[in-house]
Amino acid sequence: MNQLAFITFDVSQQGIKTSLSMQGILTIEGDLDTIIARATHIYKEALGEMSVLLKEREQLISNKKRVPARLIWRIGDVIFRLNDDLAKLNLQIDDTYRHLIRDLELKRKWIEKVVILRRHIPQLDLIPEMATWGAFEKGTRRKAHALLHSK
């Protein structure tokens, strides 16, 4: 397996500026412009999908409704797909958490919990439809394991 090259995305009003590590420039096979364009598209699409899910979360919170655990799992799944899709191009984001904190204006600890939920519960349908994020937010790993072992 090839070592993945680091890629960085800087989002601004003008669009996304993408930078590839020197190692990436030297080791990536294929047309660099095409690969960078595909990587940028993948990142932009993932940000858009996460933004929609986060807006749905914010609306629930502002309406004083409970946030479904499945909604949060879906955000984590987008992060997993983002990393998988970039890996298919032999790329990885240089500090994914830093990118998401900056571009989605989230707290690191919250993103870490979202990723833990997704990592330890591999399928959406394993989460009961009525389960809330509040039930998983504290002790996420332990509660995810408990859920899996209760099935």
N, C-alpha and C. Protein backbone atom coordinates (compact mmCIF):
# COMPACT_ATOMS: atom_id res chain seq x y z
N MET A 1 0.84 -1.19 0.00
CA MET A 1 0.00 0.00 0.00
C MET A 1 0.88 1.24 0.00
N ASN A 2 0.53 2.18 -0.84
CA ASN A 2 1.28 3.43 -0.90
C ASN A 2 0.99 4.28 0.33
N GLN A 3 1.99 5.07 0.71
CA GLN A 3 1.76 6.03 1.78
C GLN A 3 0.96 7.18 1.18
N LEU A 4 -0.02 7.64 1.93
CA LEU A 4 -0.88 8.71 1.43
C LEU A 4 -0.16 10.05 1.56
N ALA A 5 -0.31 10.86 0.53
CA ALA A 5 0.28 12.20 0.53
C ALA A 5 -0.67 13.17 1.20
N PHE A 6 -0.10 14.17 1.88
CA PHE A 6 -0.91 15.17 2.58
C PHE A 6 -1.42 16.24 1.63
N ILE A 7 -2.68 16.62 1.85
CA ILE A 7 -3.30 17.70 1.09
C ILE A 7 -3.94 18.66 2.09
N THR A 8 -3.94 19.93 1.75
CA THR A 8 -4.52 20.97 2.60
C THR A 8 -5.51 21.78 1.78
N PHE A 9 -6.63 22.13 2.41
CA PHE A 9 -7.64 22.94 1.77
C PHE A 9 -7.81 24.22 2.57
N ASP A 10 -7.79 25.36 1.88
CA ASP A 10 -8.04 26.65 2.53
C ASP A 10 -9.27 27.25 1.87
N VAL A 11 -10.35 27.34 2.66
CA VAL A 11 -11.63 27.83 2.15
C VAL A 11 -11.72 29.34 2.40
N SER A 12 -12.10 30.07 1.34
CA SER A 12 -12.30 31.51 1.47
C SER A 12 -13.49 31.92 0.60
N GLN A 13 -13.79 33.21 0.58
CA GLN A 13 -14.88 33.71 -0.26
C GLN A 13 -14.60 33.45 -1.75
N GLN A 14 -13.34 33.39 -2.10
CA GLN A 14 -12.96 33.18 -3.50
C GLN A 14 -13.03 31.71 -3.91
N GLY A 15 -13.20 30.82 -2.96
CA GLY A 15 -13.25 29.39 -3.27
C GLY A 15 -12.31 28.61 -2.38
N ILE A 16 -11.90 27.46 -2.85
CA ILE A 16 -11.01 26.59 -2.08
C ILE A 16 -9.64 26.57 -2.75
N LYS A 17 -8.63 26.94 -1.97
CA LYS A 17 -7.25 26.84 -2.44
C LYS A 17 -6.69 25.53 -1.90
N THR A 18 -6.17 24.72 -2.77
CA THR A 18 -5.69 23.40 -2.40
C THR A 18 -4.18 23.33 -2.55
N SER A 19 -3.53 22.76 -1.53
CA SER A 19 -2.07 22.61 -1.56
C SER A 19 -1.74 21.15 -1.33
N LEU A 20 -0.78 20.67 -2.06
CA LEU A 20 -0.32 19.29 -1.96
C LEU A 20 1.09 19.29 -1.39
N SER A 21 1.38 18.34 -0.52
CA SER A 21 2.71 18.26 0.08
C SER A 21 3.74 17.98 -1.02
N MET A 22 4.98 18.31 -0.74
CA MET A 22 6.06 18.04 -1.70
C MET A 22 6.15 16.55 -1.98
N GLN A 23 5.98 15.74 -0.94
CA GLN A 23 5.99 14.30 -1.12
C GLN A 23 4.89 13.90 -2.10
N GLY A 24 3.72 14.53 -1.97
CA GLY A 24 2.62 14.24 -2.86
C GLY A 24 2.94 14.61 -4.30
N ILE A 25 3.53 15.77 -4.47
CA ILE A 25 3.90 16.22 -5.82
C ILE A 25 4.86 15.23 -6.47
N LEU A 26 5.77 14.68 -5.66
CA LEU A 26 6.77 13.76 -6.19
C LEU A 26 6.26 12.33 -6.37
N THR A 27 5.26 11.93 -5.59
CA THR A 27 4.86 10.52 -5.62
C THR A 27 3.51 10.23 -6.27
N ILE A 28 2.66 11.22 -6.38
CA ILE A 28 1.33 10.98 -6.97
C ILE A 28 1.49 10.69 -8.45
N GLU A 29 0.85 9.60 -8.87
CA GLU A 29 0.89 9.23 -10.28
C GLU A 29 -0.35 9.78 -10.97
N GLY A 30 -0.18 10.25 -12.16
CA GLY A 30 -1.30 10.80 -12.91
C GLY A 30 -1.17 12.31 -13.02
N ASP A 31 -2.17 12.90 -13.62
CA ASP A 31 -2.18 14.33 -13.83
C ASP A 31 -2.51 15.05 -12.53
N LEU A 32 -1.55 15.81 -12.00
CA LEU A 32 -1.72 16.49 -10.71
C LEU A 32 -2.90 17.46 -10.72
N ASP A 33 -3.08 18.19 -11.79
CA ASP A 33 -4.19 19.14 -11.86
C ASP A 33 -5.53 18.43 -11.73
N THR A 34 -5.67 17.29 -12.39
CA THR A 34 -6.91 16.51 -12.33
C THR A 34 -7.13 15.96 -10.93
N ILE A 35 -6.08 15.43 -10.33
CA ILE A 35 -6.18 14.86 -8.98
C ILE A 35 -6.53 15.94 -7.97
N ILE A 36 -5.89 17.08 -8.06
CA ILE A 36 -6.18 18.18 -7.14
C ILE A 36 -7.61 18.69 -7.34
N ALA A 37 -8.05 18.78 -8.58
CA ALA A 37 -9.42 19.21 -8.85
C ALA A 37 -10.43 18.21 -8.27
N ARG A 38 -10.15 16.92 -8.42
CA ARG A 38 -11.05 15.90 -7.86
C ARG A 38 -11.06 15.97 -6.34
N ALA A 39 -9.89 16.13 -5.73
CA ALA A 39 -9.79 16.22 -4.28
C ALA A 39 -10.54 17.44 -3.75
N THR A 40 -10.39 18.55 -4.44
CA THR A 40 -11.08 19.78 -4.05
C THR A 40 -12.59 19.60 -4.14
N HIS A 41 -13.05 18.96 -5.19
CA HIS A 41 -14.48 18.68 -5.36
C HIS A 41 -14.98 17.78 -4.22
N ILE A 42 -14.24 16.76 -3.89
CA ILE A 42 -14.61 15.84 -2.81
C ILE A 42 -14.74 16.61 -1.49
N TYR A 43 -13.78 17.47 -1.20
CA TYR A 43 -13.82 18.24 0.05
C TYR A 43 -15.01 19.20 0.06
N LYS A 44 -15.21 19.89 -1.05
CA LYS A 44 -16.32 20.85 -1.14
C LYS A 44 -17.66 20.15 -0.96
N GLU A 45 -17.84 19.01 -1.59
CA GLU A 45 -19.09 18.26 -1.46
C GLU A 45 -19.31 17.78 -0.03
N ALA A 46 -18.25 17.32 0.62
CA ALA A 46 -18.36 16.85 2.00
C ALA A 46 -18.73 18.00 2.93
N LEU A 47 -18.10 19.15 2.73
CA LEU A 47 -18.44 20.32 3.55
C LEU A 47 -19.91 20.70 3.36
N GLY A 48 -20.37 20.67 2.13
CA GLY A 48 -21.76 21.01 1.84
C GLY A 48 -22.72 20.05 2.51
N GLU A 49 -22.43 18.76 2.42
CA GLU A 49 -23.29 17.75 3.03
C GLU A 49 -23.31 17.89 4.56
N MET A 50 -22.14 18.11 5.15
CA MET A 50 -22.08 18.29 6.60
C MET A 50 -22.79 19.57 7.02
N SER A 51 -22.67 20.63 6.23
CA SER A 51 -23.33 21.89 6.56
C SER A 51 -24.85 21.72 6.61
N VAL A 52 -25.41 20.97 5.66
CA VAL A 52 -26.85 20.71 5.65
C VAL A 52 -27.26 19.95 6.91
N LEU A 53 -26.50 18.93 7.27
CA LEU A 53 -26.81 18.15 8.46
C LEU A 53 -26.67 18.98 9.73
N LEU A 54 -25.65 19.83 9.77
CA LEU A 54 -25.45 20.70 10.93
C LEU A 54 -26.56 21.73 11.06
N LYS A 55 -27.06 22.24 9.93
CA LYS A 55 -28.20 23.17 9.97
C LYS A 55 -29.43 22.48 10.51
N GLU A 56 -29.63 21.24 10.11
CA GLU A 56 -30.76 20.46 10.63
C GLU A 56 -30.61 20.30 12.16
N ARG A 57 -29.42 20.02 12.61
CA ARG A 57 -29.15 19.91 14.05
C ARG A 57 -29.45 21.22 14.77
N GLU A 58 -28.98 22.32 14.19
CA GLU A 58 -29.20 23.63 14.81
C GLU A 58 -30.68 23.99 14.88
N GLN A 59 -31.43 23.64 13.84
CA GLN A 59 -32.87 23.91 13.85
C GLN A 59 -33.56 23.12 14.96
N LEU A 60 -33.17 21.87 15.13
CA LEU A 60 -33.75 21.06 16.20
C LEU A 60 -33.44 21.68 17.56
N ILE A 61 -32.20 22.08 17.74
CA ILE A 61 -31.79 22.68 19.02
C ILE A 61 -32.56 23.97 19.27
N SER A 62 -32.65 24.83 18.24
CA SER A 62 -33.33 26.11 18.43
C SER A 62 -34.83 25.93 18.68
N ASN A 63 -35.41 24.82 18.18
CA ASN A 63 -36.82 24.52 18.43
C ASN A 63 -37.00 23.66 19.68
N LYS A 64 -35.91 23.53 20.45
CA LYS A 64 -35.92 22.78 21.70
C LYS A 64 -36.38 21.33 21.50
N LYS A 65 -35.92 20.75 20.41
CA LYS A 65 -36.21 19.33 20.12
C LYS A 65 -34.92 18.53 20.29
N ARG A 66 -35.09 17.28 20.54
CA ARG A 66 -33.94 16.39 20.74
C ARG A 66 -33.30 16.07 19.40
N VAL A 67 -31.98 16.00 19.43
CA VAL A 67 -31.22 15.70 18.21
C VAL A 67 -31.07 14.18 18.10
N PRO A 68 -31.53 13.59 17.02
CA PRO A 68 -31.40 12.14 16.86
C PRO A 68 -29.93 11.72 16.73
N ALA A 69 -29.59 10.62 17.37
CA ALA A 69 -28.24 10.08 17.28
C ALA A 69 -27.91 9.72 15.83
N ARG A 70 -28.92 9.31 15.09
CA ARG A 70 -28.70 8.96 13.68
C ARG A 70 -28.24 10.16 12.87
N LEU A 71 -28.72 11.34 13.18
CA LEU A 71 -28.28 12.56 12.48
C LEU A 71 -26.79 12.79 12.71
N ILE A 72 -26.36 12.64 13.94
CA ILE A 72 -24.95 12.84 14.27
C ILE A 72 -24.09 11.76 13.62
N TRP A 73 -24.59 10.53 13.62
CA TRP A 73 -23.87 9.43 12.97
C TRP A 73 -23.65 9.76 11.49
N ARG A 74 -24.66 10.33 10.86
CA ARG A 74 -24.55 10.68 9.43
C ARG A 74 -23.45 11.71 9.19
N ILE A 75 -23.29 12.65 10.12
CA ILE A 75 -22.19 13.62 9.99
C ILE A 75 -20.86 12.88 10.06
N GLY A 76 -20.74 11.97 11.01
CA GLY A 76 -19.52 11.17 11.11
C GLY A 76 -19.28 10.34 9.86
N ASP A 77 -20.34 9.83 9.28
CA ASP A 77 -20.20 9.03 8.06
C ASP A 77 -19.67 9.87 6.91
N VAL A 78 -20.08 11.12 6.83
CA VAL A 78 -19.55 12.01 5.79
C VAL A 78 -18.03 12.17 5.98
N ILE A 79 -17.59 12.32 7.21
CA ILE A 79 -16.16 12.44 7.48
C ILE A 79 -15.43 11.17 7.05
N PHE A 80 -16.00 10.01 7.36
CA PHE A 80 -15.40 8.74 6.95
C PHE A 80 -15.32 8.64 5.42
N ARG A 81 -16.42 8.99 4.73
CA ARG A 81 -16.42 8.93 3.27
C ARG A 81 -15.43 9.92 2.67
N LEU A 82 -15.33 11.10 3.26
CA LEU A 82 -14.36 12.10 2.80
C LEU A 82 -12.96 11.50 2.83
N ASN A 83 -12.61 10.93 3.96
CA ASN A 83 -11.26 10.34 4.09
C ASN A 83 -11.07 9.16 3.14
N ASP A 84 -12.10 8.32 2.99
CA ASP A 84 -12.00 7.18 2.08
C ASP A 84 -11.87 7.62 0.62
N ASP A 85 -12.66 8.62 0.23
CA ASP A 85 -12.61 9.10 -1.16
C ASP A 85 -11.25 9.73 -1.48
N LEU A 86 -10.69 10.46 -0.53
CA LEU A 86 -9.36 11.04 -0.75
C LEU A 86 -8.29 9.95 -0.78
N ALA A 87 -8.45 8.93 0.05
CA ALA A 87 -7.48 7.83 0.06
C ALA A 87 -7.43 7.11 -1.29
N LYS A 88 -8.57 7.07 -1.98
CA LYS A 88 -8.61 6.46 -3.32
C LYS A 88 -7.73 7.24 -4.30
N LEU A 89 -7.47 8.51 -3.98
CA LEU A 89 -6.57 9.34 -4.80
C LEU A 89 -5.16 9.34 -4.21
N ASN A 90 -4.93 8.48 -3.21
CA ASN A 90 -3.65 8.41 -2.49
C ASN A 90 -3.36 9.70 -1.72
N LEU A 91 -4.43 10.30 -1.17
CA LEU A 91 -4.30 11.55 -0.43
C LEU A 91 -4.94 11.42 0.95
N GLN A 92 -4.47 12.24 1.87
CA GLN A 92 -5.12 12.39 3.17
C GLN A 92 -5.01 13.85 3.59
N ILE A 93 -6.04 14.32 4.29
CA ILE A 93 -6.02 15.70 4.74
C ILE A 93 -4.99 15.86 5.83
N ASP A 94 -4.21 16.91 5.74
CA ASP A 94 -3.23 17.24 6.78
C ASP A 94 -3.98 17.85 7.95
N ASP A 95 -4.32 17.01 8.93
CA ASP A 95 -5.06 17.37 10.14
C ASP A 95 -6.54 17.65 9.83
N THR A 96 -7.27 16.58 9.63
CA THR A 96 -8.69 16.67 9.31
C THR A 96 -9.45 17.47 10.35
N TYR A 97 -9.17 17.23 11.63
CA TYR A 97 -9.90 17.96 12.68
C TYR A 97 -9.70 19.46 12.55
N ARG A 98 -8.48 19.90 12.31
CA ARG A 98 -8.21 21.34 12.18
C ARG A 98 -9.01 21.93 11.02
N HIS A 99 -9.06 21.23 9.92
CA HIS A 99 -9.84 21.69 8.77
C HIS A 99 -11.32 21.83 9.12
N LEU A 100 -11.89 20.81 9.75
CA LEU A 100 -13.31 20.83 10.05
C LEU A 100 -13.67 21.86 11.12
N ILE A 101 -12.79 22.03 12.10
CA ILE A 101 -12.99 23.06 13.12
C ILE A 101 -13.07 24.43 12.46
N ARG A 102 -12.13 24.68 11.56
CA ARG A 102 -12.07 25.98 10.89
C ARG A 102 -13.21 26.17 9.90
N ASP A 103 -13.47 25.18 9.07
CA ASP A 103 -14.41 25.36 7.96
C ASP A 103 -15.87 25.18 8.35
N LEU A 104 -16.13 24.47 9.43
CA LEU A 104 -17.52 24.28 9.88
C LEU A 104 -17.80 24.98 11.21
N GLU A 105 -16.76 25.62 11.74
CA GLU A 105 -16.87 26.35 13.01
C GLU A 105 -17.41 25.46 14.12
N LEU A 106 -16.75 24.33 14.31
CA LEU A 106 -17.12 23.37 15.34
C LEU A 106 -16.01 23.25 16.36
N LYS A 107 -16.33 22.66 17.49
CA LYS A 107 -15.34 22.41 18.52
C LYS A 107 -14.71 21.04 18.28
N ARG A 108 -13.41 20.95 18.52
CA ARG A 108 -12.68 19.70 18.29
C ARG A 108 -13.28 18.53 19.06
N LYS A 109 -13.56 18.74 20.33
CA LYS A 109 -14.07 17.66 21.17
C LYS A 109 -15.38 17.11 20.61
N TRP A 110 -16.25 18.00 20.10
CA TRP A 110 -17.51 17.56 19.53
C TRP A 110 -17.27 16.71 18.28
N ILE A 111 -16.38 17.16 17.41
CA ILE A 111 -16.08 16.39 16.19
C ILE A 111 -15.49 15.03 16.57
N GLU A 112 -14.61 15.01 17.57
CA GLU A 112 -14.02 13.74 18.00
C GLU A 112 -15.11 12.77 18.45
N LYS A 113 -16.11 13.25 19.17
CA LYS A 113 -17.20 12.38 19.62
C LYS A 113 -18.03 11.88 18.45
N VAL A 114 -18.25 12.73 17.47
CA VAL A 114 -18.98 12.33 16.27
C VAL A 114 -18.24 11.20 15.55
N VAL A 115 -16.93 11.35 15.43
CA VAL A 115 -16.11 10.33 14.76
C VAL A 115 -16.10 9.04 15.58
N ILE A 116 -16.02 9.17 16.90
CA ILE A 116 -16.05 7.97 17.76
C ILE A 116 -17.37 7.22 17.57
N LEU A 117 -18.48 7.95 17.57
CA LEU A 117 -19.78 7.30 17.36
C LEU A 117 -19.78 6.54 16.05
N ARG A 118 -19.35 7.19 14.99
CA ARG A 118 -19.34 6.54 13.66
C ARG A 118 -18.36 5.38 13.60
N ARG A 119 -17.21 5.52 14.23
CA ARG A 119 -16.20 4.46 14.20
C ARG A 119 -16.70 3.20 14.91
N HIS A 120 -17.39 3.38 16.02
CA HIS A 120 -17.77 2.23 16.84
C HIS A 120 -19.16 1.68 16.52
N ILE A 121 -19.93 2.41 15.74
CA ILE A 121 -21.21 1.89 15.25
C ILE A 121 -21.14 1.93 13.73
N PRO A 122 -20.81 0.80 13.12
CA PRO A 122 -20.51 0.80 11.69
C PRO A 122 -21.70 1.00 10.75
N GLN A 123 -22.93 0.81 11.25
CA GLN A 123 -24.10 0.96 10.37
C GLN A 123 -25.15 1.83 11.05
N LEU A 124 -25.76 2.69 10.28
CA LEU A 124 -26.79 3.59 10.78
C LEU A 124 -27.95 2.84 11.43
N ASP A 125 -28.37 1.74 10.80
CA ASP A 125 -29.55 1.02 11.30
C ASP A 125 -29.31 0.29 12.61
N LEU A 126 -28.09 0.30 13.12
CA LEU A 126 -27.82 -0.27 14.44
C LEU A 126 -28.24 0.68 15.56
N ILE A 127 -28.44 1.94 15.20
CA ILE A 127 -28.88 2.94 16.18
C ILE A 127 -30.41 2.98 16.17
N PRO A 128 -31.05 2.78 17.32
CA PRO A 128 -32.52 2.87 17.35
C PRO A 128 -32.99 4.24 16.86
N GLU A 129 -34.07 4.24 16.11
CA GLU A 129 -34.58 5.50 15.55
C GLU A 129 -34.86 6.55 16.61
N MET A 130 -35.28 6.14 17.77
CA MET A 130 -35.66 7.08 18.82
C MET A 130 -34.46 7.52 19.69
N ALA A 131 -33.29 6.94 19.46
CA ALA A 131 -32.11 7.29 20.26
C ALA A 131 -31.70 8.73 19.98
N THR A 132 -31.36 9.44 21.05
CA THR A 132 -30.95 10.83 20.90
C THR A 132 -29.44 10.97 21.04
N TRP A 133 -28.91 12.04 20.48
CA TRP A 133 -27.48 12.33 20.61
C TRP A 133 -27.11 12.52 22.08
N GLY A 134 -28.01 13.10 22.85
CA GLY A 134 -27.75 13.31 24.27
C GLY A 134 -27.46 12.02 25.00
N ALA A 135 -28.01 10.91 24.53
CA ALA A 135 -27.76 9.61 25.16
C ALA A 135 -26.35 9.10 24.86
N PHE A 136 -25.71 9.64 23.84
CA PHE A 136 -24.39 9.17 23.44
C PHE A 136 -23.29 10.20 23.67
N GLU A 137 -23.66 11.45 23.87
CA GLU A 137 -22.67 12.53 23.87
C GLU A 137 -21.61 12.39 24.96
N LYS A 138 -22.01 11.97 26.14
CA LYS A 138 -21.03 11.73 27.21
C LYS A 138 -20.77 10.23 27.27
N GLY A 139 -19.51 9.85 27.25
CA GLY A 139 -19.17 8.43 27.25
C GLY A 139 -19.50 7.78 25.92
N THR A 140 -19.23 8.48 24.84
CA THR A 140 -19.63 8.04 23.50
C THR A 140 -19.14 6.63 23.17
N ARG A 141 -17.86 6.37 23.38
CA ARG A 141 -17.29 5.06 23.04
C ARG A 141 -17.95 3.95 23.86
N ARG A 142 -18.07 4.17 25.16
CA ARG A 142 -18.65 3.17 26.06
C ARG A 142 -20.10 2.89 25.68
N LYS A 143 -20.86 3.94 25.40
CA LYS A 143 -22.27 3.77 25.06
C LYS A 143 -22.45 3.13 23.69
N ALA A 144 -21.56 3.42 22.76
CA ALA A 144 -21.61 2.78 21.45
C ALA A 144 -21.35 1.29 21.59
N HIS A 145 -20.35 0.93 22.38
CA HIS A 145 -20.04 -0.49 22.62
C HIS A 145 -21.22 -1.18 23.30
N ALA A 146 -21.81 -0.53 24.29
CA ALA A 146 -22.95 -1.11 24.99
C ALA A 146 -24.11 -1.37 24.02
N LEU A 147 -24.35 -0.43 23.13
CA LEU A 147 -25.41 -0.59 22.14
C LEU A 147 -25.14 -1.79 21.24
N LEU A 148 -23.92 -1.91 20.76
CA LEU A 148 -23.58 -3.02 19.86
C LEU A 148 -23.69 -4.36 20.55
N HIS A 149 -23.31 -4.42 21.80
CA HIS A 149 -23.32 -5.70 22.51
C HIS A 149 -24.69 -6.05 23.05
N SER A 150 -25.64 -5.13 22.96
CA SER A 150 -27.01 -5.42 23.39
C SER A 150 -27.83 -6.02 22.26
N LYS A 151 -27.28 -5.99 21.06
CA LYS A 151 -28.01 -6.49 19.87
C LYS A 151 -27.76 -7.98 19.67
